[in-house]
């Protein structure tokens, strides 16, 4: 397949801001590395964990870093990304993710999952259930999570539940009816927006990963890009890719502030009045 012209224009071996990166080469700023450390520590301490942040701030990158960091020998990480289910289907999904045969009733499904957790405990393996987009959890599932987390009269911490979602998840957990599970979450983390230096370092890192050997974005362009994306990696990826393609079409070697401004204006989707 012929290399796209916009990649050739900047000496890129691949799209620099694509999503298909292995966990081992993910970029994280210093502040995010600290969050990963706290996540790993929380799981090692057998805590339940809450991680919230606005869309695009890097929650998925942090979770992938957690997956890379957790030792396979002592942990069993189970990832659930579809949480928009009622209680029975939620436990059915957990059964499938754990390699268990789904049962017919909610009670049987719960028994299968909880028995499996206890069996892993006897094998000195600590299961971690990672529930992504947890702000979308059905209330009947939230009502039941504290029961799933309760083993041997609440004496044995056999399971860590990691809830990941948007900031409104905190408001839901603080509701009176959810207080039983909220009180069990000892590790509570929030991802804020990245700093301007983080954006500059991120652009440089991703471009170098794509074999770029020179500066492509001017300092003013980086500053405007950070301001427009509010440091959110997903928006940086989208705007930076559009800027590279636009610069290639215009035969420009550097992405400057005016070009970034044009890209931002085009992608704002705001109609002219």
C-alpha atoms as a PDB file:
ATOM      1  CA  UNK A   1       0.000   0.000   0.000  1.00  0.00           C
ATOM      2  CA  UNK A   2       1.308   3.429  -0.947  1.00  0.00           C
ATOM      3  CA  UNK A   3       2.281   5.694   1.942  1.00  0.00           C
ATOM      4  CA  UNK A   4      -0.151   8.645   2.238  1.00  0.00           C
ATOM      5  CA  UNK A   5       1.407  11.887   1.020  1.00  0.00           C
ATOM      6  CA  UNK A   6       0.920  13.669   4.342  1.00  0.00           C
ATOM      7  CA  UNK A   7       3.053  11.060   6.084  1.00  0.00           C
ATOM      8  CA  UNK A   8       5.787  11.320   3.472  1.00  0.00           C
ATOM      9  CA  UNK A   9       5.776  15.113   3.728  1.00  0.00           C
ATOM     10  CA  UNK A  10       6.948  14.920   7.337  1.00  0.00           C
ATOM     11  CA  UNK A  11       9.045  11.766   7.095  1.00  0.00           C
ATOM     12  CA  UNK A  12       6.571   9.769   9.165  1.00  0.00           C
ATOM     13  CA  UNK A  13       6.613   5.988   9.122  1.00  0.00           C
ATOM     14  CA  UNK A  14       3.018   5.738  10.354  1.00  0.00           C
ATOM     15  CA  UNK A  15       0.169   7.978  11.548  1.00  0.00           C
ATOM     16  CA  UNK A  16       1.657   9.478  14.717  1.00  0.00           C
ATOM     17  CA  UNK A  17      -1.590   9.962  16.608  1.00  0.00           C
ATOM     18  CA  UNK A  18      -3.301   6.641  15.900  1.00  0.00           C
ATOM     19  CA  UNK A  19      -4.767   4.585  18.756  1.00  0.00           C
ATOM     20  CA  UNK A  20      -2.979   1.298  18.039  1.00  0.00           C
ATOM     21  CA  UNK A  21      -0.119   1.557  20.534  1.00  0.00           C
ATOM     22  CA  UNK A  22       1.051  -1.266  22.751  1.00  0.00           C
ATOM     23  CA  UNK A  23       0.801  -0.753  26.502  1.00  0.00           C
ATOM     24  CA  UNK A  24       4.590  -0.693  26.860  1.00  0.00           C
ATOM     25  CA  UNK A  25       5.033   2.450  24.736  1.00  0.00           C
ATOM     26  CA  UNK A  26       2.122   4.516  26.038  1.00  0.00           C
ATOM     27  CA  UNK A  27       3.050   8.078  26.963  1.00  0.00           C
ATOM     28  CA  UNK A  28       2.071   9.395  30.367  1.00  0.00           C
ATOM     29  CA  UNK A  29       3.022  12.730  31.950  1.00  0.00           C
ATOM     30  CA  UNK A  30       4.493  12.702  35.447  1.00  0.00           C
ATOM     31  CA  UNK A  31       1.153  13.435  37.121  1.00  0.00           C
ATOM     32  CA  UNK A  32      -0.501  10.511  35.318  1.00  0.00           C
ATOM     33  CA  UNK A  33       2.326   8.180  36.319  1.00  0.00           C
ATOM     34  CA  UNK A  34       1.554   9.075  39.916  1.00  0.00           C
ATOM     35  CA  UNK A  35      -2.084   8.065  39.362  1.00  0.00           C
ATOM     36  CA  UNK A  36      -0.984   4.730  37.903  1.00  0.00           C
ATOM     37  CA  UNK A  37       1.214   4.195  40.971  1.00  0.00           C
ATOM     38  CA  UNK A  38      -1.793   4.827  43.224  1.00  0.00           C
ATOM     39  CA  UNK A  39      -3.958   2.458  41.183  1.00  0.00           C
ATOM     40  CA  UNK A  40      -1.374  -0.310  41.420  1.00  0.00           C
ATOM     41  CA  UNK A  41      -0.968   0.307  45.151  1.00  0.00           C
ATOM     42  CA  UNK A  42      -4.734   0.284  45.658  1.00  0.00           C
ATOM     43  CA  UNK A  43      -5.053  -3.091  43.930  1.00  0.00           C
ATOM     44  CA  UNK A  44      -2.035  -4.465  45.817  1.00  0.00           C
ATOM     45  CA  UNK A  45      -3.653  -3.320  49.079  1.00  0.00           C
ATOM     46  CA  UNK A  46      -6.870  -5.067  47.957  1.00  0.00           C
ATOM     47  CA  UNK A  47      -8.817  -1.815  48.014  1.00  0.00           C
ATOM     48  CA  UNK A  48     -11.737  -0.804  45.851  1.00  0.00           C
ATOM     49  CA  UNK A  49     -10.796   2.092  43.568  1.00  0.00           C
ATOM     50  CA  UNK A  50     -12.559   5.024  41.926  1.00  0.00           C
ATOM     51  CA  UNK A  51     -11.012   6.882  38.967  1.00  0.00           C
ATOM     52  CA  UNK A  52     -12.887   9.774  37.353  1.00  0.00           C
ATOM     53  CA  UNK A  53     -12.069  12.363  34.708  1.00  0.00           C
ATOM     54  CA  UNK A  54     -13.586  14.292  31.829  1.00  0.00           C
ATOM     55  CA  UNK A  55     -13.728  12.672  28.360  1.00  0.00           C
ATOM     56  CA  UNK A  56     -10.360  12.499  26.633  1.00  0.00           C
ATOM     57  CA  UNK A  57      -8.127  13.318  29.614  1.00  0.00           C
ATOM     58  CA  UNK A  58      -6.360   9.953  29.418  1.00  0.00           C
ATOM     59  CA  UNK A  59      -8.359   7.528  31.576  1.00  0.00           C
ATOM     60  CA  UNK A  60      -7.941   4.725  29.053  1.00  0.00           C
ATOM     61  CA  UNK A  61      -4.178   5.311  28.853  1.00  0.00           C
ATOM     62  CA  UNK A  62      -3.991   5.108  32.641  1.00  0.00           C
ATOM     63  CA  UNK A  63      -5.975   1.855  32.635  1.00  0.00           C
ATOM     64  CA  UNK A  64      -3.738   0.348  29.978  1.00  0.00           C
ATOM     65  CA  UNK A  65      -0.722   1.354  32.036  1.00  0.00           C
ATOM     66  CA  UNK A  66      -2.321  -0.356  35.032  1.00  0.00           C
ATOM     67  CA  UNK A  67      -2.811  -3.509  32.950  1.00  0.00           C
ATOM     68  CA  UNK A  68       0.857  -3.373  31.980  1.00  0.00           C
ATOM     69  CA  UNK A  69       2.020  -2.798  35.564  1.00  0.00           C
ATOM     70  CA  UNK A  70      -0.045  -5.370  37.479  1.00  0.00           C
ATOM     71  CA  UNK A  71       1.953  -8.604  37.914  1.00  0.00           C
ATOM     72  CA  UNK A  72       0.274 -11.492  36.112  1.00  0.00           C
ATOM     73  CA  UNK A  73       1.386 -13.964  38.780  1.00  0.00           C
ATOM     74  CA  UNK A  74      -0.669 -12.543  41.648  1.00  0.00           C
ATOM     75  CA  UNK A  75      -3.558 -10.748  39.945  1.00  0.00           C
ATOM     76  CA  UNK A  76      -6.408 -11.569  37.586  1.00  0.00           C
ATOM     77  CA  UNK A  77      -7.643  -8.435  35.789  1.00  0.00           C
ATOM     78  CA  UNK A  78     -11.103  -8.637  34.225  1.00  0.00           C
ATOM     79  CA  UNK A  79     -12.205  -5.702  32.055  1.00  0.00           C
ATOM     80  CA  UNK A  80     -15.882  -4.888  31.511  1.00  0.00           C
ATOM     81  CA  UNK A  81     -16.636  -2.053  29.107  1.00  0.00           C
ATOM     82  CA  UNK A  82     -20.379  -2.609  28.627  1.00  0.00           C
ATOM     83  CA  UNK A  83     -21.963  -1.670  31.926  1.00  0.00           C
ATOM     84  CA  UNK A  84     -25.312  -0.519  30.515  1.00  0.00           C
ATOM     85  CA  UNK A  85     -26.918  -3.750  31.654  1.00  0.00           C
ATOM     86  CA  UNK A  86     -29.365  -4.858  34.303  1.00  0.00           C
ATOM     87  CA  UNK A  87     -28.093  -6.912  37.226  1.00  0.00           C
ATOM     88  CA  UNK A  88     -28.621 -10.360  35.708  1.00  0.00           C
ATOM     89  CA  UNK A  89     -26.974  -9.464  32.381  1.00  0.00           C
ATOM     90  CA  UNK A  90     -24.171  -7.674  34.230  1.00  0.00           C
ATOM     91  CA  UNK A  91     -23.325 -10.875  36.097  1.00  0.00           C
ATOM     92  CA  UNK A  92     -23.753 -12.880  32.906  1.00  0.00           C
ATOM     93  CA  UNK A  93     -21.143 -10.653  31.259  1.00  0.00           C
ATOM     94  CA  UNK A  94     -18.815 -11.146  34.236  1.00  0.00           C
ATOM     95  CA  UNK A  95     -19.245 -14.913  33.955  1.00  0.00           C
ATOM     96  CA  UNK A  96     -18.302 -14.845  30.278  1.00  0.00           C
ATOM     97  CA  UNK A  97     -15.300 -12.583  30.944  1.00  0.00           C
ATOM     98  CA  UNK A  98     -14.131 -14.954  33.690  1.00  0.00           C
ATOM     99  CA  UNK A  99     -14.550 -18.024  31.489  1.00  0.00           C
ATOM    100  CA  UNK A 100     -17.487 -19.346  33.531  1.00  0.00           C
ATOM    101  CA  UNK A 101     -20.642 -20.929  32.144  1.00  0.00           C
ATOM    102  CA  UNK A 102     -23.508 -18.425  32.396  1.00  0.00           C
ATOM    103  CA  UNK A 103     -26.420 -19.558  34.561  1.00  0.00           C
ATOM    104  CA  UNK A 104     -30.132 -18.950  34.164  1.00  0.00           C
ATOM    105  CA  UNK A 105     -30.972 -16.793  37.161  1.00  0.00           C
ATOM    106  CA  UNK A 106     -29.406 -13.705  38.711  1.00  0.00           C
ATOM    107  CA  UNK A 107     -28.852 -15.590  41.967  1.00  0.00           C
ATOM    108  CA  UNK A 108     -27.049 -18.443  40.201  1.00  0.00           C
ATOM    109  CA  UNK A 109     -24.905 -15.997  38.218  1.00  0.00           C
ATOM    110  CA  UNK A 110     -23.931 -14.141  41.379  1.00  0.00           C
ATOM    111  CA  UNK A 111     -23.092 -17.417  43.129  1.00  0.00           C
ATOM    112  CA  UNK A 112     -20.885 -18.505  40.207  1.00  0.00           C
ATOM    113  CA  UNK A 113     -18.932 -15.211  40.227  1.00  0.00           C
ATOM    114  CA  UNK A 114     -18.545 -15.023  44.015  1.00  0.00           C
ATOM    115  CA  UNK A 115     -17.503 -18.701  44.235  1.00  0.00           C
ATOM    116  CA  UNK A 116     -14.895 -18.087  41.541  1.00  0.00           C
ATOM    117  CA  UNK A 117     -13.535 -15.110  43.494  1.00  0.00           C
ATOM    118  CA  UNK A 118     -13.222 -17.273  46.613  1.00  0.00           C
ATOM    119  CA  UNK A 119     -11.490 -20.016  44.616  1.00  0.00           C
ATOM    120  CA  UNK A 120      -8.952 -17.505  43.280  1.00  0.00           C
ATOM    121  CA  UNK A 121      -8.377 -16.345  46.846  1.00  0.00           C
ATOM    122  CA  UNK A 122      -7.481 -19.886  47.875  1.00  0.00           C
ATOM    123  CA  UNK A 123      -4.996 -19.927  44.992  1.00  0.00           C
ATOM    124  CA  UNK A 124      -3.507 -16.638  46.282  1.00  0.00           C
ATOM    125  CA  UNK A 125      -4.651 -14.783  43.167  1.00  0.00           C
ATOM    126  CA  UNK A 126      -6.330 -11.423  43.679  1.00  0.00           C
ATOM    127  CA  UNK A 127      -9.070 -10.670  41.117  1.00  0.00           C
ATOM    128  CA  UNK A 128      -9.571  -7.087  39.943  1.00  0.00           C
ATOM    129  CA  UNK A 129     -12.858  -6.240  38.214  1.00  0.00           C
ATOM    130  CA  UNK A 130     -12.383  -3.092  36.122  1.00  0.00           C
ATOM    131  CA  UNK A 131     -15.705  -1.480  35.225  1.00  0.00           C
ATOM    132  CA  UNK A 132     -15.249   1.194  32.559  1.00  0.00           C
ATOM    133  CA  UNK A 133     -17.828   3.909  31.831  1.00  0.00           C
ATOM    134  CA  UNK A 134     -19.146   3.204  35.332  1.00  0.00           C
ATOM    135  CA  UNK A 135     -21.214   6.406  35.368  1.00  0.00           C
ATOM    136  CA  UNK A 136     -23.590   4.438  33.102  1.00  0.00           C
ATOM    137  CA  UNK A 137     -24.102   1.603  35.596  1.00  0.00           C
ATOM    138  CA  UNK A 138     -27.717   0.689  36.226  1.00  0.00           C
ATOM    139  CA  UNK A 139     -28.828   1.523  39.727  1.00  0.00           C
ATOM    140  CA  UNK A 140     -29.745  -2.098  40.459  1.00  0.00           C
ATOM    141  CA  UNK A 141     -26.099  -3.025  39.736  1.00  0.00           C
ATOM    142  CA  UNK A 142     -24.799  -0.257  41.999  1.00  0.00           C
ATOM    143  CA  UNK A 143     -27.223  -1.471  44.658  1.00  0.00           C
ATOM    144  CA  UNK A 144     -25.552  -4.879  44.502  1.00  0.00           C
ATOM    145  CA  UNK A 145     -21.845  -4.048  44.237  1.00  0.00           C
ATOM    146  CA  UNK A 146     -21.330  -3.862  47.985  1.00  0.00           C
ATOM    147  CA  UNK A 147     -22.712  -7.409  48.207  1.00  0.00           C
ATOM    148  CA  UNK A 148     -20.311  -8.606  45.518  1.00  0.00           C
ATOM    149  CA  UNK A 149     -17.480  -6.997  47.514  1.00  0.00           C
ATOM    150  CA  UNK A 150     -18.480  -8.743  50.772  1.00  0.00           C
ATOM    151  CA  UNK A 151     -16.740 -12.031  51.562  1.00  0.00           C
ATOM    152  CA  UNK A 152     -16.588 -14.065  54.762  1.00  0.00           C
ATOM    153  CA  UNK A 153     -18.632 -11.614  56.826  1.00  0.00           C
ATOM    154  CA  UNK A 154     -16.766  -8.674  55.228  1.00  0.00           C
ATOM    155  CA  UNK A 155     -13.550  -9.938  56.815  1.00  0.00           C
ATOM    156  CA  UNK A 156     -11.621 -11.036  53.719  1.00  0.00           C
ATOM    157  CA  UNK A 157     -10.736  -8.503  50.971  1.00  0.00           C
ATOM    158  CA  UNK A 158     -10.815 -11.093  48.190  1.00  0.00           C
ATOM    159  CA  UNK A 159     -11.756  -8.721  45.351  1.00  0.00           C
ATOM    160  CA  UNK A 160     -10.901  -5.228  44.115  1.00  0.00           C
ATOM    161  CA  UNK A 161     -13.534  -3.384  42.081  1.00  0.00           C
ATOM    162  CA  UNK A 162     -12.176  -0.485  40.019  1.00  0.00           C
ATOM    163  CA  UNK A 163     -14.839   1.971  38.848  1.00  0.00           C
ATOM    164  CA  UNK A 164     -13.832   4.304  36.026  1.00  0.00           C
ATOM    165  CA  UNK A 165     -16.027   7.028  34.615  1.00  0.00           C
ATOM    166  CA  UNK A 166     -16.967  10.666  34.223  1.00  0.00           C
ATOM    167  CA  UNK A 167     -16.986  13.006  37.259  1.00  0.00           C
ATOM    168  CA  UNK A 168     -20.755  12.639  37.716  1.00  0.00           C
ATOM    169  CA  UNK A 169     -20.047   9.102  38.942  1.00  0.00           C
ATOM    170  CA  UNK A 170     -18.946  10.647  42.254  1.00  0.00           C
ATOM    171  CA  UNK A 171     -22.334  12.322  42.650  1.00  0.00           C
ATOM    172  CA  UNK A 172     -24.116   9.022  42.073  1.00  0.00           C
ATOM    173  CA  UNK A 173     -21.963   7.133  44.555  1.00  0.00           C
ATOM    174  CA  UNK A 174     -22.563   9.786  47.194  1.00  0.00           C
ATOM    175  CA  UNK A 175     -26.320   9.284  47.032  1.00  0.00           C
ATOM    176  CA  UNK A 176     -27.765   7.922  50.274  1.00  0.00           C
ATOM    177  CA  UNK A 177     -28.772   4.605  48.696  1.00  0.00           C
ATOM    178  CA  UNK A 178     -25.193   3.962  47.469  1.00  0.00           C
ATOM    179  CA  UNK A 179     -23.472   4.777  50.760  1.00  0.00           C
ATOM    180  CA  UNK A 180     -22.748   1.096  51.558  1.00  0.00           C
ATOM    181  CA  UNK A 181     -20.444   0.741  48.562  1.00  0.00           C
ATOM    182  CA  UNK A 182     -19.146   4.347  48.646  1.00  0.00           C
ATOM    183  CA  UNK A 183     -17.817   3.757  52.159  1.00  0.00           C
ATOM    184  CA  UNK A 184     -15.852   0.750  50.909  1.00  0.00           C
ATOM    185  CA  UNK A 185     -13.930   2.727  48.250  1.00  0.00           C
ATOM    186  CA  UNK A 186     -10.695   3.725  49.967  1.00  0.00           C
ATOM    187  CA  UNK A 187      -8.714   4.807  46.872  1.00  0.00           C
ATOM    188  CA  UNK A 188     -10.424   7.763  45.167  1.00  0.00           C
ATOM    189  CA  UNK A 189      -8.619   9.375  42.229  1.00  0.00           C
ATOM    190  CA  UNK A 190      -9.413  12.154  39.762  1.00  0.00           C
ATOM    191  CA  UNK A 191      -7.638  13.022  36.513  1.00  0.00           C
ATOM    192  CA  UNK A 192      -7.412  16.740  35.864  1.00  0.00           C
ATOM    193  CA  UNK A 193      -6.529  18.463  32.615  1.00  0.00           C
ATOM    194  CA  UNK A 194      -2.986  18.215  31.323  1.00  0.00           C
ATOM    195  CA  UNK A 195      -0.538  21.139  31.482  1.00  0.00           C
ATOM    196  CA  UNK A 196       0.819  23.024  28.413  1.00  0.00           C
ATOM    197  CA  UNK A 197       4.216  21.338  28.829  1.00  0.00           C
ATOM    198  CA  UNK A 198       2.457  17.971  28.847  1.00  0.00           C
ATOM    199  CA  UNK A 199       0.930  18.711  25.444  1.00  0.00           C
ATOM    200  CA  UNK A 200       4.302  19.732  23.989  1.00  0.00           C
ATOM    201  CA  UNK A 201       5.971  16.603  25.341  1.00  0.00           C
ATOM    202  CA  UNK A 202       3.125  14.425  24.119  1.00  0.00           C
ATOM    203  CA  UNK A 203       3.335  15.777  20.557  1.00  0.00           C
ATOM    204  CA  UNK A 204       7.108  15.328  20.519  1.00  0.00           C
ATOM    205  CA  UNK A 205       6.864  11.773  21.861  1.00  0.00           C
ATOM    206  CA  UNK A 206       4.204  10.608  19.419  1.00  0.00           C
ATOM    207  CA  UNK A 207       6.005  12.163  16.437  1.00  0.00           C
ATOM    208  CA  UNK A 208       9.272  10.476  17.412  1.00  0.00           C
ATOM    209  CA  UNK A 209       7.442   7.154  17.747  1.00  0.00           C
ATOM    210  CA  UNK A 210       6.467   7.655  14.095  1.00  0.00           C
ATOM    211  CA  UNK A 211      10.123   8.256  13.111  1.00  0.00           C
ATOM    212  CA  UNK A 212       9.877  12.044  12.770  1.00  0.00           C
ATOM    213  CA  UNK A 213      13.351  13.568  13.143  1.00  0.00           C
ATOM    214  CA  UNK A 214      12.552  17.288  13.286  1.00  0.00           C
ATOM    215  CA  UNK A 215      10.287  19.850  14.907  1.00  0.00           C
ATOM    216  CA  UNK A 216       6.920  20.031  13.174  1.00  0.00           C
ATOM    217  CA  UNK A 217       4.726  22.216  15.404  1.00  0.00           C
ATOM    218  CA  UNK A 218       5.823  25.746  16.278  1.00  0.00           C
ATOM    219  CA  UNK A 219       5.685  26.817  19.942  1.00  0.00           C
ATOM    220  CA  UNK A 220       2.736  29.119  19.262  1.00  0.00           C
ATOM    221  CA  UNK A 221       0.931  26.322  17.449  1.00  0.00           C
ATOM    222  CA  UNK A 222       1.427  23.992  20.418  1.00  0.00           C
ATOM    223  CA  UNK A 223       0.127  26.644  22.804  1.00  0.00           C
ATOM    224  CA  UNK A 224      -3.025  27.170  20.751  1.00  0.00           C
ATOM    225  CA  UNK A 225      -3.508  23.438  20.279  1.00  0.00           C
ATOM    226  CA  UNK A 226      -3.297  22.908  24.031  1.00  0.00           C
ATOM    227  CA  UNK A 227      -5.767  25.719  24.656  1.00  0.00           C
ATOM    228  CA  UNK A 228      -8.257  24.363  22.128  1.00  0.00           C
ATOM    229  CA  UNK A 229      -7.987  20.752  23.343  1.00  0.00           C
ATOM    230  CA  UNK A 230      -7.715  21.715  27.029  1.00  0.00           C
ATOM    231  CA  UNK A 231      -4.890  19.184  27.156  1.00  0.00           C
ATOM    232  CA  UNK A 232      -7.215  16.273  26.367  1.00  0.00           C
ATOM    233  CA  UNK A 233      -5.326  13.648  24.413  1.00  0.00           C
ATOM    234  CA  UNK A 234      -8.236  12.534  22.259  1.00  0.00           C
ATOM    235  CA  UNK A 235      -8.797  16.094  20.998  1.00  0.00           C
ATOM    236  CA  UNK A 236      -5.061  16.689  20.593  1.00  0.00           C
ATOM    237  CA  UNK A 237      -4.830  13.574  18.403  1.00  0.00           C
ATOM    238  CA  UNK A 238      -7.718  14.704  16.222  1.00  0.00           C
ATOM    239  CA  UNK A 239      -6.588  18.309  15.790  1.00  0.00           C
ATOM    240  CA  UNK A 240      -2.904  17.475  15.332  1.00  0.00           C
ATOM    241  CA  UNK A 241      -3.701  14.905  12.637  1.00  0.00           C
ATOM    242  CA  UNK A 242      -5.939  17.361  10.802  1.00  0.00           C
ATOM    243  CA  UNK A 243      -3.204  20.018  11.037  1.00  0.00           C
ATOM    244  CA  UNK A 244      -0.560  17.705   9.555  1.00  0.00           C
ATOM    245  CA  UNK A 245      -2.826  16.826   6.653  1.00  0.00           C
ATOM    246  CA  UNK A 246      -3.658  20.482   6.041  1.00  0.00           C
ATOM    247  CA  UNK A 247       0.015  21.477   6.158  1.00  0.00           C
ATOM    248  CA  UNK A 248       0.869  18.748   3.647  1.00  0.00           C
ATOM    249  CA  UNK A 249      -1.801  19.957   1.217  1.00  0.00           C
ATOM    250  CA  UNK A 250      -0.438  23.504   1.524  1.00  0.00           C
ATOM    251  CA  UNK A 251       3.189  22.332   1.064  1.00  0.00           C
ATOM    252  CA  UNK A 252       4.170  23.675   4.466  1.00  0.00           C
ATOM    253  CA  UNK A 253       7.019  22.168   6.456  1.00  0.00           C
ATOM    254  CA  UNK A 254       5.920  23.645   9.800  1.00  0.00           C
ATOM    255  CA  UNK A 255       2.512  23.686  11.452  1.00  0.00           C
ATOM    256  CA  UNK A 256       2.189  27.252  12.711  1.00  0.00           C
ATOM    257  CA  UNK A 257      -0.411  29.024  14.842  1.00  0.00           C
ATOM    258  CA  UNK A 258      -2.439  30.305  11.882  1.00  0.00           C
ATOM    259  CA  UNK A 259      -2.797  26.809  10.454  1.00  0.00           C
ATOM    260  CA  UNK A 260      -3.881  25.410  13.819  1.00  0.00           C
ATOM    261  CA  UNK A 261      -6.405  28.251  14.112  1.00  0.00           C
ATOM    262  CA  UNK A 262      -7.843  27.353  10.703  1.00  0.00           C
ATOM    263  CA  UNK A 263      -8.140  23.681  11.656  1.00  0.00           C
ATOM    264  CA  UNK A 264      -9.835  24.552  14.942  1.00  0.00           C
ATOM    265  CA  UNK A 265     -12.281  26.830  13.149  1.00  0.00           C
ATOM    266  CA  UNK A 266     -13.140  24.156  10.574  1.00  0.00           C
ATOM    267  CA  UNK A 267     -13.668  21.467  13.221  1.00  0.00           C
ATOM    268  CA  UNK A 268     -15.678  23.616  15.583  1.00  0.00           C
ATOM    269  CA  UNK A 269     -18.804  22.694  13.574  1.00  0.00           C
ATOM    270  CA  UNK A 270     -20.213  26.130  14.373  1.00  0.00           C
ATOM    271  CA  UNK A 271     -22.346  27.445  11.477  1.00  0.00           C
ATOM    272  CA  UNK A 272     -21.751  30.930  10.182  1.00  0.00           C
ATOM    273  CA  UNK A 273     -24.488  33.325  11.289  1.00  0.00           C
END
